[in-house]
C-alpha cells in the first residue's frame, strides 16, 4: 500500500495556514520558523500535485481545493492527536485528556473541578478547549465534552445532568430604588444571534426597549452585568457566586447539560477519571 504523504508534519502546517491566513501567523502558532512552514506547504502542494494557496501582499488566499481539504485534513490531525493521547494514557490514570466546553463554563464553572481532579489524579494533564463551537468527539477533536445543546452524535457515552437555570440578573446597585422592567431597564442583549428577543417573545414577554449593549459573547454579557451596565441573562449558579440580583424571578430558561465521551474511551483510565469527576461535580458547581 502506498503512503499518500511522506509526513504528517505537513498537515499541521496546512491547517494552521488555513486557520491563520498567513505563513507568519501559522509559524507563530506552531512554534516554527516561517521558512519551515513555507517549505512544508510547498512540499504538500508538490506531493498533491495541486496549488493550495495563491500569494498576495496581504497574505495567502486558499484555493477552492484547499477549502475542500480543510475539514478532512483537520479530521486526520485530530485522529493523530487522539492516537497519541491513547498511547500516552496506557493503563494508568495518567496522560493527556482533552476537554472541550463552552467558554463561560471554562472560565466560571470548570476550574474548581479541574483543580480537584488534579489533586486526585496529579499525572493527568488536561488540555482545555474553551469554545462555543462543537468539537467533534467522533473524530477525536476532544476526549470529553461538556455539552449545553442536545447531543446529536452517535457512538457517545453521555450522562445528562440537571438542566442549567438561566435567568435575568443585574448588579445590586442597578436595582436599588428602581422598578426593574423590560420596558425601562438598561438591557444587555445578543447581537446577530437574535435568540434573546425571540426567547422572551416565546414566553409572552416584551422586547427590551432600552438595549445598551449587544454582544453574542456570553462572557462579555456577564462582564457588562458585573459592571452595572444593565440587566442580562446569566446562569443562576454563576450569578449567585458573582453576587448578582435576580430580576423577573419567575423567568427561568432551562438549558440542557451533559458530559459526553466517545464509547471507545470508556476503558481509558484517565479519560474515565475526568468524565466521572465532571459528572459528579458539575451539578453542585452549576447550582452555585
Protein backbone atom coordinates (compact mmCIF):
# COMPACT_ATOMS: atom_id res chain seq x y z
CA UNK A 1 0.00 0.00 0.00
CA UNK A 2 1.43 3.37 -0.98
CA UNK A 3 1.68 6.20 1.56
CA UNK A 4 -0.20 9.28 0.29
CA UNK A 5 2.04 11.77 2.14
CA UNK A 6 5.64 11.48 3.27
CA UNK A 7 4.94 13.07 6.66
CA UNK A 8 2.04 14.03 8.88
CA UNK A 9 4.06 17.14 9.74
CA UNK A 10 2.69 18.68 6.55
CA UNK A 11 -0.89 18.61 7.81
CA UNK A 12 -0.46 20.87 10.90
CA UNK A 13 1.18 23.46 8.65
CA UNK A 14 -1.72 23.31 6.18
CA UNK A 15 -4.35 23.53 8.93
CA UNK A 16 -2.53 26.40 10.66
CA UNK A 17 -2.26 28.43 7.46
CA UNK A 18 -5.93 27.79 6.68
CA UNK A 19 -6.90 28.99 10.16
CA UNK A 20 -4.47 31.90 10.50
CA UNK A 21 -4.34 33.15 6.92
CA UNK A 22 -0.59 33.71 6.64
CA UNK A 23 2.71 31.87 6.89
CA UNK A 24 4.00 34.09 9.69
CA UNK A 25 0.88 33.66 11.84
CA UNK A 26 0.89 29.91 11.24
CA UNK A 27 4.58 29.72 12.15
CA UNK A 28 3.96 31.52 15.45
CA UNK A 29 1.08 29.18 16.28
CA UNK A 30 3.20 26.09 15.55
CA UNK A 31 6.39 27.39 17.16
CA UNK A 32 8.27 27.05 13.87
CA UNK A 33 10.10 29.43 11.58
CA UNK A 34 8.28 30.96 8.64
CA UNK A 35 10.63 29.34 6.07
CA UNK A 36 9.92 25.93 7.63
CA UNK A 37 6.17 26.37 7.29
CA UNK A 38 6.61 27.66 3.74
CA UNK A 39 8.66 24.59 2.79
CA UNK A 40 6.05 22.29 4.34
CA UNK A 41 3.27 23.94 2.33
CA UNK A 42 5.34 23.76 -0.86
CA UNK A 43 6.11 20.08 -0.19
CA UNK A 44 2.43 19.34 0.39
CA UNK A 45 1.49 21.09 -2.86
CA UNK A 46 4.18 19.13 -4.71
CA UNK A 47 3.02 15.80 -3.28
CA UNK A 48 -0.63 16.56 -4.09
CA UNK A 49 0.25 17.98 -7.48
CA UNK A 50 -2.03 20.96 -6.92
CA UNK A 51 -1.88 24.58 -5.82
CA UNK A 52 -3.39 25.15 -2.37
CA UNK A 53 -2.74 28.87 -1.89
CA UNK A 54 -2.25 31.93 -4.03
CA UNK A 55 0.19 34.50 -2.75
CA UNK A 56 -0.72 38.15 -2.24
CA UNK A 57 0.74 41.12 -0.38
CA UNK A 58 -1.78 40.74 2.45
CA UNK A 59 -1.11 37.03 2.99
CA UNK A 60 -2.33 33.81 1.40
CA UNK A 61 -5.64 33.06 -0.25
CA UNK A 62 -6.88 29.49 -0.11
CA UNK A 63 -7.84 27.92 -3.40
CA UNK A 64 -11.20 26.12 -3.71
CA UNK A 65 -9.31 22.82 -3.39
CA UNK A 66 -7.72 23.93 -0.11
CA UNK A 67 -11.12 24.88 1.30
CA UNK A 68 -12.46 21.42 0.38
CA UNK A 69 -9.47 19.77 2.04
CA UNK A 70 -9.62 21.76 5.29
CA UNK A 71 -12.17 19.62 7.16
CA UNK A 72 -10.69 16.24 6.08
CA UNK A 73 -7.20 17.47 6.98
CA UNK A 74 -8.38 18.61 10.40
CA UNK A 75 -10.03 15.22 10.93
CA UNK A 76 -6.73 13.46 10.13
CA UNK A 77 -4.90 15.78 12.54
CA UNK A 78 -7.45 15.18 15.28
CA UNK A 79 -7.16 11.44 14.76
CA UNK A 80 -3.37 11.60 15.07
CA UNK A 81 -3.62 13.63 18.27
CA UNK A 82 -6.21 11.20 19.62
CA UNK A 83 -3.94 8.25 18.83
CA UNK A 84 -1.07 9.91 20.66
CA UNK A 85 -3.25 10.60 23.69
CA UNK A 86 -4.43 6.97 23.79
CA UNK A 87 -0.85 5.73 23.76
CA UNK A 88 0.19 8.20 26.45
CA UNK A 89 -2.71 7.22 28.71
CA UNK A 90 -1.89 3.49 28.76
CA UNK A 91 -3.42 1.59 31.69
CA UNK A 92 -2.65 4.17 34.37
CA UNK A 93 -4.67 7.18 35.44
CA UNK A 94 -2.14 9.33 33.66
CA UNK A 95 -1.66 11.11 30.36
CA UNK A 96 -3.27 13.89 28.38
CA UNK A 97 -7.05 14.27 28.30
CA UNK A 98 -8.55 16.91 26.03
CA UNK A 99 -11.70 18.51 27.41
CA UNK A 100 -13.94 20.85 25.48
CA UNK A 101 -16.67 23.06 26.95
CA UNK A 102 -18.35 26.43 26.34
CA UNK A 103 -16.23 29.47 27.13
CA UNK A 104 -18.45 30.62 30.00
CA UNK A 105 -18.07 27.26 31.72
CA UNK A 106 -14.33 27.22 31.06
CA UNK A 107 -14.00 30.47 32.99
CA UNK A 108 -16.73 30.32 35.66
CA UNK A 109 -17.58 26.63 36.21
CA UNK A 110 -14.86 24.15 35.30
CA UNK A 111 -11.71 25.47 37.09
CA UNK A 112 -12.57 24.22 40.61
CA UNK A 113 -13.45 20.81 39.18
CA UNK A 114 -10.15 20.62 37.33
CA UNK A 115 -8.32 21.64 40.49
CA UNK A 116 -9.99 18.80 42.38
CA UNK A 117 -9.17 16.36 39.58
CA UNK A 118 -5.53 17.41 39.70
CA UNK A 119 -5.38 16.68 43.43
CA UNK A 120 -6.86 13.19 42.90
CA UNK A 121 -5.00 12.42 39.67
CA UNK A 122 -1.83 14.53 39.50
CA UNK A 123 -0.48 12.64 36.48
CA UNK A 124 -3.43 13.61 34.28
CA UNK A 125 -2.79 16.67 32.14
CA UNK A 126 -5.93 18.46 30.95
CA UNK A 127 -5.99 20.23 27.61
CA UNK A 128 -8.96 22.60 27.86
CA UNK A 129 -10.53 23.69 24.58
CA UNK A 130 -12.76 26.59 25.55
CA UNK A 131 -15.03 27.07 22.57
CA UNK A 132 -18.68 27.67 21.81
CA UNK A 133 -18.42 25.56 18.68
CA UNK A 134 -19.00 21.82 18.89
CA UNK A 135 -15.74 19.89 18.95
CA UNK A 136 -16.16 16.53 17.20
CA UNK A 137 -15.75 13.67 19.68
CA UNK A 138 -16.15 11.05 16.98
CA UNK A 139 -13.06 12.30 15.14
CA UNK A 140 -11.05 12.79 18.33
CA UNK A 141 -11.06 16.60 18.36
CA UNK A 142 -11.60 16.10 22.11
CA UNK A 143 -11.80 13.19 24.55
CA UNK A 144 -14.51 14.56 26.87
CA UNK A 145 -17.06 17.28 26.22
CA UNK A 146 -19.47 19.31 28.30
CA UNK A 147 -22.45 19.95 26.06
CA UNK A 148 -25.17 22.56 26.56
CA UNK A 149 -27.12 21.55 23.46
CA UNK A 150 -28.92 18.30 22.64
CA UNK A 151 -26.50 15.52 21.69
CA UNK A 152 -26.71 14.51 18.03
CA UNK A 153 -23.63 12.34 17.54
CA UNK A 154 -23.97 8.58 17.86
CA UNK A 155 -21.40 6.25 19.46
CA UNK A 156 -21.13 8.51 22.50
CA UNK A 157 -21.28 7.68 26.18
CA UNK A 158 -23.21 10.52 27.78
CA UNK A 159 -24.63 11.46 31.15
CA UNK A 160 -27.42 14.00 31.15
CA UNK A 161 -27.20 16.37 34.10
CA UNK A 162 -29.91 18.59 35.63
CA UNK A 163 -30.81 21.46 33.32
CA UNK A 164 -28.92 24.68 33.95
CA UNK A 165 -31.13 27.55 35.16
CA UNK A 166 -30.74 30.69 33.03
CA UNK A 167 -32.35 33.89 34.21
CA UNK A 168 -32.14 37.66 34.10
CA UNK A 169 -29.72 39.26 36.55
CA UNK A 170 -28.27 42.64 37.38
CA UNK A 171 -25.58 44.08 39.60
CA UNK A 172 -27.05 45.04 43.02
CA UNK A 173 -26.52 48.77 42.52
CA UNK A 174 -28.63 48.73 39.38
CA UNK A 175 -31.71 47.52 41.25
CA UNK A 176 -31.59 49.83 44.28
CA UNK A 177 -34.59 52.15 44.39
CA UNK A 178 -35.90 51.34 40.95
CA UNK A 179 -38.61 49.19 39.43
CA UNK A 180 -36.80 46.90 37.03
CA UNK A 181 -38.89 46.10 33.96
CA UNK A 182 -38.01 45.15 30.41
CA UNK A 183 -39.65 48.35 29.19
CA UNK A 184 -37.47 50.66 31.28
CA UNK A 185 -34.27 48.99 32.47
CA UNK A 186 -30.98 49.14 30.56
CA UNK A 187 -30.64 45.76 28.88
CA UNK A 188 -27.74 43.67 27.61
CA UNK A 189 -28.77 41.63 24.59
CA UNK A 190 -27.20 39.43 21.95
CA UNK A 191 -26.12 40.80 18.61
CA UNK A 192 -26.50 38.81 15.41
CA UNK A 193 -27.72 35.60 17.02
CA UNK A 194 -31.10 37.16 17.83
CA UNK A 195 -32.01 34.44 20.33
CA UNK A 196 -32.75 36.61 23.38
CA UNK A 197 -35.59 38.70 21.93
CA UNK A 198 -37.09 35.59 20.32
CA UNK A 199 -36.88 33.69 23.61
CA UNK A 200 -38.56 36.50 25.53
CA UNK A 201 -41.31 36.76 22.93
CA UNK A 202 -41.92 33.00 23.14
CA UNK A 203 -42.61 33.45 26.85
CA UNK A 204 -45.01 36.35 26.27
CA UNK A 205 -42.56 39.00 27.42
CA UNK A 206 -41.98 42.29 25.62
CA UNK A 207 -38.83 43.07 23.69
CA UNK A 208 -36.46 45.20 25.78
CA UNK A 209 -36.70 48.84 24.78
CA UNK A 210 -33.50 50.20 26.30
CA UNK A 211 -30.74 47.98 24.91
CA UNK A 212 -27.38 49.44 25.93
CA UNK A 213 -25.07 46.69 24.67
CA UNK A 214 -25.27 43.93 22.10
CA UNK A 215 -22.81 41.03 22.05
CA UNK A 216 -23.05 37.38 21.08
CA UNK A 217 -20.24 36.59 23.55
CA UNK A 218 -21.73 35.39 26.84
CA UNK A 219 -18.53 36.29 28.70
CA UNK A 220 -18.90 39.88 27.50
CA UNK A 221 -22.53 39.90 28.63
CA UNK A 222 -21.58 38.68 32.13
CA UNK A 223 -18.80 41.27 32.39
CA UNK A 224 -21.27 44.00 31.44
CA UNK A 225 -23.73 42.81 34.08
CA UNK A 226 -20.96 42.85 36.68
CA UNK A 227 -20.04 46.41 35.66
CA UNK A 228 -23.59 47.56 36.38
CA UNK A 229 -24.27 48.35 32.74
CA UNK A 230 -27.62 46.61 32.55
CA UNK A 231 -29.79 43.55 33.02
CA UNK A 232 -28.80 40.40 31.15
CA UNK A 233 -29.00 36.64 31.01
CA UNK A 234 -26.67 34.55 33.14
CA UNK A 235 -26.50 31.05 34.57
CA UNK A 236 -28.05 31.21 38.04
CA UNK A 237 -25.14 29.45 39.74
CA UNK A 238 -22.60 31.84 38.22
CA UNK A 239 -24.82 34.80 39.11
CA UNK A 240 -25.00 33.75 42.76
CA UNK A 241 -21.22 33.45 43.00
CA UNK A 242 -20.79 36.87 41.42
CA UNK A 243 -23.35 38.48 43.72
CA UNK A 244 -25.88 39.39 41.03
CA UNK A 245 -29.52 40.10 41.87
CA UNK A 246 -32.21 38.19 40.01
CA UNK A 247 -34.85 40.28 38.28
CA UNK A 248 -38.10 38.86 36.89
CA UNK A 249 -37.66 35.85 39.21
CA UNK A 250 -40.48 33.94 37.53
CA UNK A 251 -38.44 33.78 34.31
CA UNK A 252 -36.33 30.63 34.18
CA UNK A 253 -34.91 29.21 30.96
CA UNK A 254 -33.68 25.60 31.29
CA UNK A 255 -30.50 24.86 29.34
CA UNK A 256 -29.60 21.18 28.74
CA UNK A 257 -26.29 19.97 30.07
CA UNK A 258 -24.46 16.68 29.54
CA UNK A 259 -20.99 15.19 29.78
CA UNK A 260 -20.02 13.02 26.82
CA UNK A 261 -17.14 10.92 25.53
CA UNK A 262 -16.63 8.50 22.67
CA UNK A 263 -17.65 4.97 23.61
CA UNK A 264 -14.14 3.72 22.74
CA UNK A 265 -12.76 5.90 25.53
CA UNK A 266 -14.70 4.28 28.36
CA UNK A 267 -11.79 1.90 29.07
CA UNK A 268 -9.17 4.65 29.25
CA UNK A 269 -8.48 5.22 32.97
CA UNK A 270 -7.51 8.87 32.51
CA UNK A 271 -10.48 9.76 30.30
CA UNK A 272 -12.85 7.86 32.56
CA UNK A 273 -11.49 9.68 35.62
CA UNK A 274 -12.14 13.07 34.02
CA UNK A 275 -15.57 12.01 32.77
CA UNK A 276 -16.64 10.65 36.17
CA UNK A 277 -15.21 13.66 38.01
CA UNK A 278 -17.21 16.07 35.86
CA UNK A 279 -20.43 14.04 36.16
CA UNK A 280 -20.07 14.01 39.95
CA UNK A 281 -19.01 17.61 40.42
CA UNK A 282 -20.81 19.66 37.79
CA UNK A 283 -24.32 19.67 39.33
CA UNK A 284 -23.09 21.26 42.55
CA UNK A 285 -20.96 23.89 40.84
CA UNK A 286 -23.68 24.74 38.33
CA UNK A 287 -26.18 25.21 41.15
CA UNK A 288 -23.82 27.65 42.81
